Protein backbone atom coordinates (compact mmCIF):
# COMPACT_ATOMS: atom_id res chain seq x y z
CA UNK A 1 0.00 0.00 0.00
CA UNK A 2 2.71 2.47 0.99
CA UNK A 3 4.70 1.80 -2.17
CA UNK A 4 1.59 2.46 -4.28
CA UNK A 5 0.86 5.68 -2.40
CA UNK A 6 4.44 6.82 -2.80
CA UNK A 7 4.48 6.05 -6.55
CA UNK A 8 1.19 7.87 -7.12
CA UNK A 9 2.38 10.84 -5.06
CA UNK A 10 5.59 11.11 -7.04
CA UNK A 11 3.63 11.19 -10.30
CA UNK A 12 1.00 13.56 -8.90
CA UNK A 13 3.52 16.02 -7.50
CA UNK A 14 5.43 16.22 -10.75
CA UNK A 15 2.19 16.78 -12.66
CA UNK A 16 0.81 19.28 -10.17
CA UNK A 17 3.77 21.58 -10.51
CA UNK A 18 3.27 22.32 -14.19
CA UNK A 19 -0.05 21.00 -15.50
CA UNK A 20 -3.70 21.76 -15.89
CA UNK A 21 -6.62 19.94 -17.44
CA UNK A 22 -9.61 21.55 -19.10
CA UNK A 23 -12.07 19.59 -16.91
CA UNK A 24 -14.52 21.73 -14.95
CA UNK A 25 -15.41 25.40 -15.18
CA UNK A 26 -13.80 28.53 -13.81
CA UNK A 27 -16.05 31.53 -13.09
CA UNK A 28 -13.80 34.58 -13.21
CA UNK A 29 -16.51 36.82 -11.70
CA UNK A 30 -17.05 34.75 -8.55
CA UNK A 31 -13.52 33.23 -8.44
CA UNK A 32 -15.11 29.77 -8.25
CA UNK A 33 -14.07 26.50 -9.85
CA UNK A 34 -16.64 23.72 -10.17
CA UNK A 35 -16.25 20.21 -11.49
CA UNK A 36 -19.36 18.04 -11.76
CA UNK A 37 -17.36 14.89 -12.60
CA UNK A 38 -15.65 15.06 -9.19
CA UNK A 39 -18.52 16.82 -7.34
CA UNK A 40 -16.17 19.55 -6.16
CA UNK A 41 -16.26 23.29 -5.88
CA UNK A 42 -13.54 25.69 -4.80
CA UNK A 43 -14.53 29.27 -4.11
CA UNK A 44 -11.35 31.30 -3.90
CA UNK A 45 -11.16 34.73 -2.30
CA UNK A 46 -13.22 36.94 -4.59
CA UNK A 47 -11.54 40.13 -3.40
CA UNK A 48 -8.38 38.98 -5.22
CA UNK A 49 -7.83 38.85 -8.98
CA UNK A 50 -7.07 35.31 -10.11
CA UNK A 51 -5.41 34.58 -13.45
CA UNK A 52 -5.66 31.08 -14.95
CA UNK A 53 -2.38 29.40 -15.78
CA UNK A 54 -1.85 27.48 -19.03
CA UNK A 55 -2.98 23.89 -19.56
CA UNK A 56 0.05 21.68 -20.18
CA UNK A 57 -0.91 18.07 -19.31
CA UNK A 58 -3.63 16.05 -17.66
CA UNK A 59 -3.79 15.75 -13.91
CA UNK A 60 -4.34 19.26 -12.61
CA UNK A 61 -7.90 20.50 -12.75
CA UNK A 62 -7.23 24.06 -11.65
CA UNK A 63 -4.19 26.30 -11.59
CA UNK A 64 -4.61 30.02 -10.91
CA UNK A 65 -2.36 32.77 -9.65
CA UNK A 66 -2.80 36.07 -7.87
CA UNK A 67 -0.05 38.42 -8.97
CA UNK A 68 -0.56 40.98 -6.20
CA UNK A 69 0.20 38.52 -3.40
CA UNK A 70 2.27 36.12 -5.53
CA UNK A 71 0.08 33.14 -4.61
CA UNK A 72 -0.43 30.08 -6.80
CA UNK A 73 -3.42 27.78 -6.19
CA UNK A 74 -3.77 24.35 -7.76
CA UNK A 75 -6.05 21.34 -7.60
CA UNK A 76 -4.77 18.03 -8.95
CA UNK A 77 -6.28 14.56 -9.15
CA UNK A 78 -5.09 11.05 -9.87
CA UNK A 79 -7.98 8.71 -10.74
CA UNK A 80 -8.19 4.95 -10.23
CA UNK A 81 -5.77 4.68 -7.32
CA UNK A 82 -5.71 2.04 -4.62
CA UNK A 83 -7.43 3.68 -1.70
CA UNK A 84 -6.60 3.30 1.96
CA UNK A 85 -6.42 5.51 5.00
CA UNK A 86 -3.96 8.24 4.00
CA UNK A 87 -3.15 8.77 7.68
CA UNK A 88 -1.26 5.46 7.55
CA UNK A 89 1.11 7.05 5.01
CA UNK A 90 1.82 10.38 6.73
CA UNK A 91 5.48 9.51 7.29
CA UNK A 92 5.94 8.90 3.54
CA UNK A 93 5.56 12.63 2.98
CA UNK A 94 8.72 13.24 5.00
CA UNK A 95 10.66 10.31 3.53
CA UNK A 96 14.17 10.92 2.18
CA UNK A 97 12.85 10.52 -1.38
CA UNK A 98 10.16 13.17 -0.91
CA UNK A 99 12.61 15.51 0.83
CA UNK A 100 15.03 15.09 -2.10
CA UNK A 101 12.25 16.00 -4.58
CA UNK A 102 11.52 19.16 -2.59
CA UNK A 103 15.23 19.96 -2.31
CA UNK A 104 15.64 19.63 -6.10
CA UNK A 105 12.57 21.82 -6.67
CA UNK A 106 14.06 24.50 -4.43
CA UNK A 107 17.40 24.28 -6.23
CA UNK A 108 15.67 24.48 -9.63
CA UNK A 109 13.99 27.69 -8.44
CA UNK A 110 17.28 29.15 -7.19
CA UNK A 111 16.25 28.78 -3.56
CA UNK A 112 17.56 27.00 -0.45
CA UNK A 113 15.41 24.17 0.90
CA UNK A 114 14.46 24.73 4.55
CA UNK A 115 12.29 21.70 5.27
CA UNK A 116 9.02 19.90 4.90
CA UNK A 117 6.58 18.72 7.56
CA UNK A 118 3.57 16.42 7.24
CA UNK A 119 0.72 16.01 9.74
CA UNK A 120 -2.59 14.20 9.91
CA UNK A 121 -5.45 16.53 9.03
CA UNK A 122 -8.85 16.51 7.32
CA UNK A 123 -10.59 18.12 4.36
CA UNK A 124 -14.39 18.30 4.40
CA UNK A 125 -14.42 15.60 7.11
CA UNK A 126 -12.17 13.27 5.07
CA UNK A 127 -8.81 12.03 6.38
CA UNK A 128 -6.02 14.02 4.72
CA UNK A 129 -2.33 14.71 5.06
CA UNK A 130 -1.30 18.35 5.34
CA UNK A 131 2.23 19.13 4.20
CA UNK A 132 4.14 22.36 4.48
CA UNK A 133 7.35 22.91 2.57
CA UNK A 134 9.53 25.99 2.96
CA UNK A 135 12.44 27.35 0.96
CA UNK A 136 14.16 30.72 0.92
CA UNK A 137 16.41 33.01 -1.08
CA UNK A 138 18.39 36.02 0.10
CA UNK A 139 18.47 39.08 -2.15
CA UNK A 140 21.51 41.18 -1.09
CA UNK A 141 20.52 44.08 -3.33
CA UNK A 142 17.30 44.44 -1.30
CA UNK A 143 18.76 43.13 1.96
CA UNK A 144 15.76 40.83 2.25
CA UNK A 145 15.06 37.12 2.44
CA UNK A 146 12.11 35.85 0.42
CA UNK A 147 10.39 32.59 1.34
CA UNK A 148 8.58 30.12 -0.88
CA UNK A 149 5.93 28.29 1.12
CA UNK A 150 3.84 25.42 -0.23
CA UNK A 151 0.89 24.17 1.81
CA UNK A 152 -0.79 21.04 0.45
CA UNK A 153 -3.67 18.82 1.51
CA UNK A 154 -3.81 15.32 0.01
CA UNK A 155 -6.72 12.89 0.46
CA UNK A 156 -8.51 9.91 -1.10
CA UNK A 157 -12.16 9.73 -2.05
CA UNK A 158 -13.95 7.21 -4.28
CA UNK A 159 -10.74 5.83 -5.85
CA UNK A 160 -9.29 9.29 -6.55
CA UNK A 161 -6.32 10.97 -4.90
CA UNK A 162 -6.84 14.75 -4.54
CA UNK A 163 -4.17 17.38 -3.96
CA UNK A 164 -5.07 20.95 -2.97
CA UNK A 165 -2.13 23.35 -2.94
CA UNK A 166 -1.61 26.99 -2.02
CA UNK A 167 1.88 28.28 -2.69
CA UNK A 168 3.30 31.61 -1.58
CA UNK A 169 5.84 32.20 -4.32
CA UNK A 170 7.64 35.11 -2.63
CA UNK A 171 6.74 35.82 0.99
CA UNK A 172 8.74 38.26 3.08
CA UNK A 173 9.61 36.99 6.56
CA UNK A 174 7.39 39.49 8.36
CA UNK A 175 4.42 38.47 6.14
CA UNK A 176 4.52 34.70 6.76
CA UNK A 177 1.67 34.90 9.31
CA UNK A 178 -0.43 36.87 6.80
CA UNK A 179 0.23 34.25 4.12
CA UNK A 180 -0.81 31.48 6.53
CA UNK A 181 -4.12 33.25 7.27
CA UNK A 182 -4.82 33.79 3.57
CA UNK A 183 -3.99 30.15 2.81
CA UNK A 184 -6.48 28.99 5.47
CA UNK A 185 -9.17 31.24 3.98
CA UNK A 186 -8.44 29.85 0.51
CA UNK A 187 -8.62 26.21 1.68
CA UNK A 188 -11.87 26.93 3.54
CA UNK A 189 -13.52 27.68 0.17
CA UNK A 190 -13.09 24.06 -1.00
CA UNK A 191 -16.04 21.64 -0.87
CA UNK A 192 -16.65 18.10 -2.09
CA UNK A 193 -19.77 15.95 -1.98
Foldseek 3Di string as FASTA:
>chain_A
DLVLVLVVVVVLVVCFVDAEDQAFDADQQQRKTAHPVQQKMFGAPNVFHWDFDDHDDAFKHGWIAGPVQQKIKTKGKDAQGDDDQCQVNQVVCQDPVNFVVLQVVQVVVVWGWDGKHWDWDDAQNFIWIWMKTKTWDADVVVRFIWMKIKIWIWGDDPRMIMIIIMIRGTHTPVCPVVSVVSVVRRSVRMDGD
